[in-house]
Amino acid sequence: MKYLIILMVAMLSACASTSDAMQDRSLSFLALGDSYTIGESVPEEDRWPVQLAKKISENGLSVRTPRIIATTGWRTDQLKAAIESASGLGPKYDIVSLLIGVNNQYQGRSVESFAPEFEELLQMAIEQAGGDKEHVFVVSIPDYGKTPFGASREEQIARELDDYNRVSKEICEKYGVAYYNITPISREAKEQPELIASDNLHPSGEMYRRWVELFYQDVINQLK
């Protein structure tokens, strides 16, 4: 019994030390994606990865400025190529996010062709987290059909993006990776123009703030 108590104390001490170590150092964050991750048409501080890093830091865990690999217009294959050619990655990120696929849909690519490419990107994201899927999460594709830019094809866009998001969610479930569905928030933009950036297409900083409010606590819990 004595040895059991000693073992339990040692295990609790180790857990506490790990938690203290997380709080004593700044966490690294790699954000992978397209225009929604780079924050097209909003200031840098309004990008959702930047807002998320700030929110986590305000809640007891210090997060460095995110490393963002994302460009407006990228499809899944273009993001993969960018990751493969990027310099200075790793060796391990504490947080890795992935949001991709809208340009596959916009350019008329099939969900069937998207699925294997998305799965490969998810595998790459897990690799960048040192193989720790608990430190990886995926954000769903927002519905740009609720913006002035996409209004003329609203129903088609909604239907196709629902298919894309269904597939990406199923792949995340297969790998046990957290999946955050922000698409319903993006659909509020039809009645709330303040959620749309000045280009009449991309989310505003306020919409990104609502995304972060949806999942920041879950991300914190993943890190502990």
C-alpha atoms as a PDB file:
ATOM      1  CA  MET A   1       0.000   0.000   0.000  1.00  0.00           C
ATOM      2  CA  LYS A   2       2.874   2.324   0.884  1.00  0.00           C
ATOM      3  CA  TYR A   3       4.470   1.826  -2.527  1.00  0.00           C
ATOM      4  CA  LEU A   4       1.128   2.417  -4.271  1.00  0.00           C
ATOM      5  CA  ILE A   5       0.752   5.776  -2.546  1.00  0.00           C
ATOM      6  CA  ILE A   6       4.300   6.748  -3.491  1.00  0.00           C
ATOM      7  CA  LEU A   7       3.596   5.805  -7.123  1.00  0.00           C
ATOM      8  CA  MET A   8       0.386   7.839  -7.196  1.00  0.00           C
ATOM      9  CA  VAL A   9       2.165  10.881  -5.747  1.00  0.00           C
ATOM     10  CA  ALA A  10       4.916  10.553  -8.338  1.00  0.00           C
ATOM     11  CA  MET A  11       2.374  10.373 -11.179  1.00  0.00           C
ATOM     12  CA  LEU A  12       0.501  13.433  -9.928  1.00  0.00           C
ATOM     13  CA  SER A  13       3.774  15.332  -9.617  1.00  0.00           C
ATOM     14  CA  ALA A  14       4.705  14.414 -13.184  1.00  0.00           C
ATOM     15  CA  CYS A  15       1.339  15.672 -14.474  1.00  0.00           C
ATOM     16  CA  ALA A  16       1.733  18.905 -12.540  1.00  0.00           C
ATOM     17  CA  SER A  17       5.249  19.359 -13.910  1.00  0.00           C
ATOM     18  CA  THR A  18       3.992  18.888 -17.473  1.00  0.00           C
ATOM     19  CA  SER A  19       1.239  21.460 -16.909  1.00  0.00           C
ATOM     20  CA  ASP A  20       3.715  23.911 -15.365  1.00  0.00           C
ATOM     21  CA  ALA A  21       6.095  23.422 -18.274  1.00  0.00           C
ATOM     22  CA  MET A  22       3.307  24.241 -20.747  1.00  0.00           C
ATOM     23  CA  GLN A  23       2.599  27.464 -18.861  1.00  0.00           C
ATOM     24  CA  ASP A  24       6.272  28.442 -18.574  1.00  0.00           C
ATOM     25  CA  ARG A  25       6.993  28.413 -22.303  1.00  0.00           C
ATOM     26  CA  SER A  26       5.437  29.968 -25.364  1.00  0.00           C
ATOM     27  CA  LEU A  27       3.526  27.543 -27.554  1.00  0.00           C
ATOM     28  CA  SER A  28       4.046  27.337 -31.316  1.00  0.00           C
ATOM     29  CA  PHE A  29       1.113  27.472 -33.740  1.00  0.00           C
ATOM     30  CA  LEU A  30       1.071  26.480 -37.418  1.00  0.00           C
ATOM     31  CA  ALA A  31      -2.040  27.520 -39.375  1.00  0.00           C
ATOM     32  CA  LEU A  32      -2.565  25.891 -42.787  1.00  0.00           C
ATOM     33  CA  GLY A  33      -5.134  27.023 -45.339  1.00  0.00           C
ATOM     34  CA  ASP A  34      -6.229  29.578 -47.903  1.00  0.00           C
ATOM     35  CA  SER A  35      -7.772  33.069 -47.874  1.00  0.00           C
ATOM     36  CA  TYR A  36      -9.810  32.296 -44.765  1.00  0.00           C
ATOM     37  CA  THR A  37      -6.641  31.549 -42.799  1.00  0.00           C
ATOM     38  CA  ILE A  38      -4.506  34.385 -44.147  1.00  0.00           C
ATOM     39  CA  GLY A  39      -7.431  36.741 -43.515  1.00  0.00           C
ATOM     40  CA  GLU A  40      -8.046  38.259 -46.941  1.00  0.00           C
ATOM     41  CA  SER A  41      -9.359  41.841 -46.662  1.00  0.00           C
ATOM     42  CA  VAL A  42      -8.920  42.166 -42.883  1.00  0.00           C
ATOM     43  CA  PRO A  43      -6.018  43.567 -40.824  1.00  0.00           C
ATOM     44  CA  GLU A  44      -3.452  41.071 -39.580  1.00  0.00           C
ATOM     45  CA  GLU A  45      -4.709  41.305 -36.007  1.00  0.00           C
ATOM     46  CA  ASP A  46      -8.189  40.240 -37.179  1.00  0.00           C
ATOM     47  CA  ARG A  47      -7.062  36.978 -38.757  1.00  0.00           C
ATOM     48  CA  TRP A  48      -8.656  34.153 -36.831  1.00  0.00           C
ATOM     49  CA  PRO A  49      -5.369  32.338 -36.019  1.00  0.00           C
ATOM     50  CA  VAL A  50      -4.010  35.581 -34.578  1.00  0.00           C
ATOM     51  CA  GLN A  51      -7.203  36.138 -32.604  1.00  0.00           C
ATOM     52  CA  LEU A  52      -7.071  32.553 -31.342  1.00  0.00           C
ATOM     53  CA  ALA A  53      -3.454  32.865 -30.209  1.00  0.00           C
ATOM     54  CA  LYS A  54      -4.335  36.045 -28.325  1.00  0.00           C
ATOM     55  CA  LYS A  55      -7.406  34.446 -26.730  1.00  0.00           C
ATOM     56  CA  ILE A  56      -5.433  31.420 -25.553  1.00  0.00           C
ATOM     57  CA  SER A  57      -2.718  33.689 -24.161  1.00  0.00           C
ATOM     58  CA  GLU A  58      -5.340  35.639 -22.234  1.00  0.00           C
ATOM     59  CA  ASN A  59      -6.408  32.380 -20.630  1.00  0.00           C
ATOM     60  CA  GLY A  60      -3.120  31.297 -19.109  1.00  0.00           C
ATOM     61  CA  LEU A  61      -1.142  29.700 -21.963  1.00  0.00           C
ATOM     62  CA  SER A  62       1.311  31.845 -23.900  1.00  0.00           C
ATOM     63  CA  VAL A  63       1.158  31.364 -27.688  1.00  0.00           C
ATOM     64  CA  ARG A  64       3.649  32.846 -30.123  1.00  0.00           C
ATOM     65  CA  THR A  65       2.555  34.656 -33.289  1.00  0.00           C
ATOM     66  CA  PRO A  66       1.195  31.899 -35.573  1.00  0.00           C
ATOM     67  CA  ARG A  67       3.221  30.671 -38.516  1.00  0.00           C
ATOM     68  CA  ILE A  68       0.718  30.868 -41.364  1.00  0.00           C
ATOM     69  CA  ILE A  69       1.068  28.921 -44.599  1.00  0.00           C
ATOM     70  CA  ALA A  70      -1.926  30.123 -46.574  1.00  0.00           C
ATOM     71  CA  THR A  71      -2.636  32.134 -49.704  1.00  0.00           C
ATOM     72  CA  THR A  72      -5.844  33.383 -51.268  1.00  0.00           C
ATOM     73  CA  GLY A  73      -6.975  31.017 -54.008  1.00  0.00           C
ATOM     74  CA  TRP A  74      -5.122  27.899 -52.879  1.00  0.00           C
ATOM     75  CA  ARG A  75      -6.673  24.479 -53.444  1.00  0.00           C
ATOM     76  CA  THR A  76      -5.691  21.372 -51.499  1.00  0.00           C
ATOM     77  CA  ASP A  77      -2.950  20.424 -53.985  1.00  0.00           C
ATOM     78  CA  GLN A  78      -1.433  23.913 -53.862  1.00  0.00           C
ATOM     79  CA  LEU A  79      -1.364  23.924 -50.069  1.00  0.00           C
ATOM     80  CA  LYS A  80       0.342  20.537 -50.083  1.00  0.00           C
ATOM     81  CA  ALA A  81       3.035  21.838 -52.449  1.00  0.00           C
ATOM     82  CA  ALA A  82       3.546  24.909 -50.262  1.00  0.00           C
ATOM     83  CA  ILE A  83       4.000  22.818 -47.120  1.00  0.00           C
ATOM     84  CA  GLU A  84       6.480  20.551 -48.870  1.00  0.00           C
ATOM     85  CA  SER A  85       8.550  23.511 -50.057  1.00  0.00           C
ATOM     86  CA  ALA A  86       8.286  25.630 -46.884  1.00  0.00           C
ATOM     87  CA  SER A  87      11.474  26.321 -44.978  1.00  0.00           C
ATOM     88  CA  GLY A  88      11.930  26.416 -41.229  1.00  0.00           C
ATOM     89  CA  LEU A  89       9.056  24.127 -40.314  1.00  0.00           C
ATOM     90  CA  GLY A  90       8.980  22.167 -37.101  1.00  0.00           C
ATOM     91  CA  PRO A  91      10.367  20.073 -35.700  1.00  0.00           C
ATOM     92  CA  LYS A  92       7.065  20.027 -33.807  1.00  0.00           C
ATOM     93  CA  TYR A  93       4.239  22.531 -33.400  1.00  0.00           C
ATOM     94  CA  ASP A  94       2.086  22.646 -30.281  1.00  0.00           C
ATOM     95  CA  ILE A  95      -0.981  23.666 -32.308  1.00  0.00           C
ATOM     96  CA  VAL A  96      -1.707  22.883 -35.964  1.00  0.00           C
ATOM     97  CA  SER A  97      -4.888  23.992 -37.729  1.00  0.00           C
ATOM     98  CA  LEU A  98      -6.240  23.170 -41.180  1.00  0.00           C
ATOM     99  CA  LEU A  99      -8.946  24.952 -43.171  1.00  0.00           C
ATOM    100  CA  ILE A 100      -8.998  24.187 -46.892  1.00  0.00           C
ATOM    101  CA  GLY A 101     -11.298  23.240 -49.763  1.00  0.00           C
ATOM    102  CA  VAL A 102     -13.320  26.263 -50.788  1.00  0.00           C
ATOM    103  CA  ASN A 103     -11.254  26.831 -53.918  1.00  0.00           C
ATOM    104  CA  ASN A 104     -11.626  23.193 -54.935  1.00  0.00           C
ATOM    105  CA  GLN A 105     -15.378  23.740 -54.796  1.00  0.00           C
ATOM    106  CA  TYR A 106     -15.257  27.181 -56.445  1.00  0.00           C
ATOM    107  CA  GLN A 107     -13.209  25.818 -59.352  1.00  0.00           C
ATOM    108  CA  GLY A 108     -15.673  22.989 -59.914  1.00  0.00           C
ATOM    109  CA  ARG A 109     -13.581  20.130 -58.600  1.00  0.00           C
ATOM    110  CA  SER A 110     -15.443  17.099 -57.334  1.00  0.00           C
ATOM    111  CA  VAL A 111     -15.802  16.068 -53.715  1.00  0.00           C
ATOM    112  CA  GLU A 112     -14.398  12.688 -54.749  1.00  0.00           C
ATOM    113  CA  SER A 113     -11.129  14.317 -55.856  1.00  0.00           C
ATOM    114  CA  PHE A 114     -11.057  16.523 -52.732  1.00  0.00           C
ATOM    115  CA  ALA A 115     -11.312  13.665 -50.236  1.00  0.00           C
ATOM    116  CA  PRO A 116      -7.903  11.953 -50.744  1.00  0.00           C
ATOM    117  CA  GLU A 117      -6.109  15.295 -51.007  1.00  0.00           C
ATOM    118  CA  PHE A 118      -7.698  16.530 -47.792  1.00  0.00           C
ATOM    119  CA  GLU A 119      -6.802  13.287 -46.033  1.00  0.00           C
ATOM    120  CA  GLU A 120      -3.193  13.655 -47.122  1.00  0.00           C
ATOM    121  CA  LEU A 121      -3.116  17.224 -45.806  1.00  0.00           C
ATOM    122  CA  LEU A 122      -4.554  16.071 -42.490  1.00  0.00           C
ATOM    123  CA  GLN A 123      -1.788  13.477 -42.253  1.00  0.00           C
ATOM    124  CA  MET A 124       0.762  16.229 -42.925  1.00  0.00           C
ATOM    125  CA  ALA A 125      -0.822  18.409 -40.233  1.00  0.00           C
ATOM    126  CA  ILE A 126      -0.561  15.566 -37.708  1.00  0.00           C
ATOM    127  CA  GLU A 127       3.073  15.074 -38.714  1.00  0.00           C
ATOM    128  CA  GLN A 128       3.765  18.773 -38.082  1.00  0.00           C
ATOM    129  CA  ALA A 129       2.329  18.284 -34.582  1.00  0.00           C
ATOM    130  CA  GLY A 130       4.899  15.578 -33.940  1.00  0.00           C
ATOM    131  CA  GLY A 131       2.322  12.871 -34.525  1.00  0.00           C
ATOM    132  CA  ASP A 132       0.096  14.139 -31.709  1.00  0.00           C
ATOM    133  CA  LYS A 133      -3.412  14.350 -33.175  1.00  0.00           C
ATOM    134  CA  GLU A 134      -4.650  15.917 -29.929  1.00  0.00           C
ATOM    135  CA  HIS A 135      -2.846  19.101 -30.956  1.00  0.00           C
ATOM    136  CA  VAL A 136      -4.439  19.277 -34.414  1.00  0.00           C
ATOM    137  CA  PHE A 137      -7.835  20.635 -35.382  1.00  0.00           C
ATOM    138  CA  VAL A 138      -9.792  21.318 -38.554  1.00  0.00           C
ATOM    139  CA  VAL A 139     -12.151  24.219 -39.226  1.00  0.00           C
ATOM    140  CA  SER A 140     -15.067  23.698 -41.623  1.00  0.00           C
ATOM    141  CA  ILE A 141     -15.412  25.676 -44.854  1.00  0.00           C
ATOM    142  CA  PRO A 142     -17.580  28.782 -44.472  1.00  0.00           C
ATOM    143  CA  ASP A 143     -20.497  29.351 -46.846  1.00  0.00           C
ATOM    144  CA  TYR A 144     -19.627  32.246 -49.134  1.00  0.00           C
ATOM    145  CA  GLY A 145     -23.023  31.843 -50.832  1.00  0.00           C
ATOM    146  CA  LYS A 146     -24.425  34.067 -48.080  1.00  0.00           C
ATOM    147  CA  THR A 147     -22.247  36.982 -49.231  1.00  0.00           C
ATOM    148  CA  PRO A 148     -23.068  39.476 -51.993  1.00  0.00           C
ATOM    149  CA  PHE A 149     -20.385  37.821 -54.138  1.00  0.00           C
ATOM    150  CA  GLY A 150     -22.002  34.383 -53.973  1.00  0.00           C
ATOM    151  CA  ALA A 151     -25.664  35.321 -53.642  1.00  0.00           C
ATOM    152  CA  SER A 152     -26.584  34.441 -57.227  1.00  0.00           C
ATOM    153  CA  ARG A 153     -25.588  30.796 -56.625  1.00  0.00           C
ATOM    154  CA  GLU A 154     -26.566  30.621 -52.965  1.00  0.00           C
ATOM    155  CA  GLU A 155     -28.349  27.263 -52.989  1.00  0.00           C
ATOM    156  CA  GLN A 156     -25.778  25.497 -55.175  1.00  0.00           C
ATOM    157  CA  ILE A 157     -22.878  26.750 -53.064  1.00  0.00           C
ATOM    158  CA  ALA A 158     -24.578  25.685 -49.831  1.00  0.00           C
ATOM    159  CA  ARG A 159     -25.303  22.217 -51.185  1.00  0.00           C
ATOM    160  CA  GLU A 160     -21.781  21.657 -52.505  1.00  0.00           C
ATOM    161  CA  LEU A 161     -20.041  23.004 -49.416  1.00  0.00           C
ATOM    162  CA  ASP A 162     -22.217  20.806 -47.212  1.00  0.00           C
ATOM    163  CA  ASP A 163     -20.862  17.839 -49.176  1.00  0.00           C
ATOM    164  CA  TYR A 164     -17.268  19.047 -48.796  1.00  0.00           C
ATOM    165  CA  ASN A 165     -17.698  19.592 -45.072  1.00  0.00           C
ATOM    166  CA  ARG A 166     -19.368  16.235 -44.592  1.00  0.00           C
ATOM    167  CA  VAL A 167     -16.402  14.505 -46.203  1.00  0.00           C
ATOM    168  CA  SER A 168     -13.791  16.458 -44.234  1.00  0.00           C
ATOM    169  CA  LYS A 169     -15.630  15.782 -40.972  1.00  0.00           C
ATOM    170  CA  GLU A 170     -15.762  12.050 -41.706  1.00  0.00           C
ATOM    171  CA  ILE A 171     -12.024  12.017 -42.390  1.00  0.00           C
ATOM    172  CA  CYS A 172     -11.361  13.884 -39.135  1.00  0.00           C
ATOM    173  CA  GLU A 173     -13.457  11.338 -37.250  1.00  0.00           C
ATOM    174  CA  LYS A 174     -11.443   8.552 -38.869  1.00  0.00           C
ATOM    175  CA  TYR A 175      -8.229  10.051 -37.480  1.00  0.00           C
ATOM    176  CA  GLY A 176      -9.670  11.238 -34.176  1.00  0.00           C
ATOM    177  CA  VAL A 177      -8.955  14.900 -34.959  1.00  0.00           C
ATOM    178  CA  ALA A 178     -11.105  17.727 -33.579  1.00  0.00           C
ATOM    179  CA  TYR A 179     -13.432  19.324 -36.130  1.00  0.00           C
ATOM    180  CA  TYR A 180     -15.037  22.716 -35.536  1.00  0.00           C
ATOM    181  CA  ASN A 181     -18.135  23.554 -37.568  1.00  0.00           C
ATOM    182  CA  ILE A 182     -18.163  27.314 -38.139  1.00  0.00           C
ATOM    183  CA  THR A 183     -20.364  27.075 -41.254  1.00  0.00           C
ATOM    184  CA  PRO A 184     -23.597  27.992 -39.418  1.00  0.00           C
ATOM    185  CA  ILE A 185     -21.909  31.187 -38.191  1.00  0.00           C
ATOM    186  CA  SER A 186     -20.891  32.068 -41.757  1.00  0.00           C
ATOM    187  CA  ARG A 187     -24.511  31.706 -42.857  1.00  0.00           C
ATOM    188  CA  GLU A 188     -25.564  34.419 -40.445  1.00  0.00           C
ATOM    189  CA  ALA A 189     -23.842  36.893 -42.777  1.00  0.00           C
ATOM    190  CA  LYS A 190     -26.871  36.920 -45.063  1.00  0.00           C
ATOM    191  CA  GLU A 191     -28.769  38.912 -42.432  1.00  0.00           C
ATOM    192  CA  GLN A 192     -25.766  40.472 -40.671  1.00  0.00           C
ATOM    193  CA  PRO A 193     -23.616  42.410 -43.147  1.00  0.00           C
ATOM    194  CA  GLU A 194     -21.132  43.348 -40.417  1.00  0.00           C
ATOM    195  CA  LEU A 195     -19.881  39.769 -40.682  1.00  0.00           C
ATOM    196  CA  ILE A 196     -18.611  40.398 -44.232  1.00  0.00           C
ATOM    197  CA  ALA A 197     -15.363  42.182 -45.143  1.00  0.00           C
ATOM    198  CA  SER A 198     -15.245  45.185 -47.440  1.00  0.00           C
ATOM    199  CA  ASP A 199     -14.639  42.962 -50.499  1.00  0.00           C
ATOM    200  CA  ASN A 200     -18.196  41.549 -50.135  1.00  0.00           C
ATOM    201  CA  LEU A 201     -16.818  37.999 -50.056  1.00  0.00           C
ATOM    202  CA  HIS A 202     -14.581  37.199 -47.123  1.00  0.00           C
ATOM    203  CA  PRO A 203     -15.381  37.195 -43.395  1.00  0.00           C
ATOM    204  CA  SER A 204     -14.873  40.324 -41.345  1.00  0.00           C
ATOM    205  CA  GLY A 205     -12.843  40.413 -38.164  1.00  0.00           C
ATOM    206  CA  GLU A 206     -16.116  40.152 -36.259  1.00  0.00           C
ATOM    207  CA  MET A 207     -17.014  36.881 -37.954  1.00  0.00           C
ATOM    208  CA  TYR A 208     -13.564  35.505 -37.222  1.00  0.00           C
ATOM    209  CA  ARG A 209     -14.033  36.553 -33.596  1.00  0.00           C
ATOM    210  CA  ARG A 210     -17.212  34.485 -33.440  1.00  0.00           C
ATOM    211  CA  TRP A 211     -15.382  31.483 -34.854  1.00  0.00           C
ATOM    212  CA  VAL A 212     -12.739  31.779 -32.167  1.00  0.00           C
ATOM    213  CA  GLU A 213     -15.366  32.134 -29.448  1.00  0.00           C
ATOM    214  CA  LEU A 214     -16.882  28.866 -30.664  1.00  0.00           C
ATOM    215  CA  PHE A 215     -13.804  26.714 -30.222  1.00  0.00           C
ATOM    216  CA  TYR A 216     -11.013  28.458 -28.267  1.00  0.00           C
ATOM    217  CA  GLN A 217     -11.856  26.719 -24.989  1.00  0.00           C
ATOM    218  CA  ASP A 218     -11.794  23.324 -26.665  1.00  0.00           C
ATOM    219  CA  VAL A 219      -8.362  24.125 -28.116  1.00  0.00           C
ATOM    220  CA  ILE A 220      -7.123  25.115 -24.654  1.00  0.00           C
ATOM    221  CA  ASN A 221      -8.448  21.844 -23.254  1.00  0.00           C
ATOM    222  CA  GLN A 222      -6.592  19.939 -25.975  1.00  0.00           C
ATOM    223  CA  LEU A 223      -3.331  21.566 -24.907  1.00  0.00           C
ATOM    224  CA  LYS A 224      -3.603  20.696 -21.207  1.00  0.00           C
END
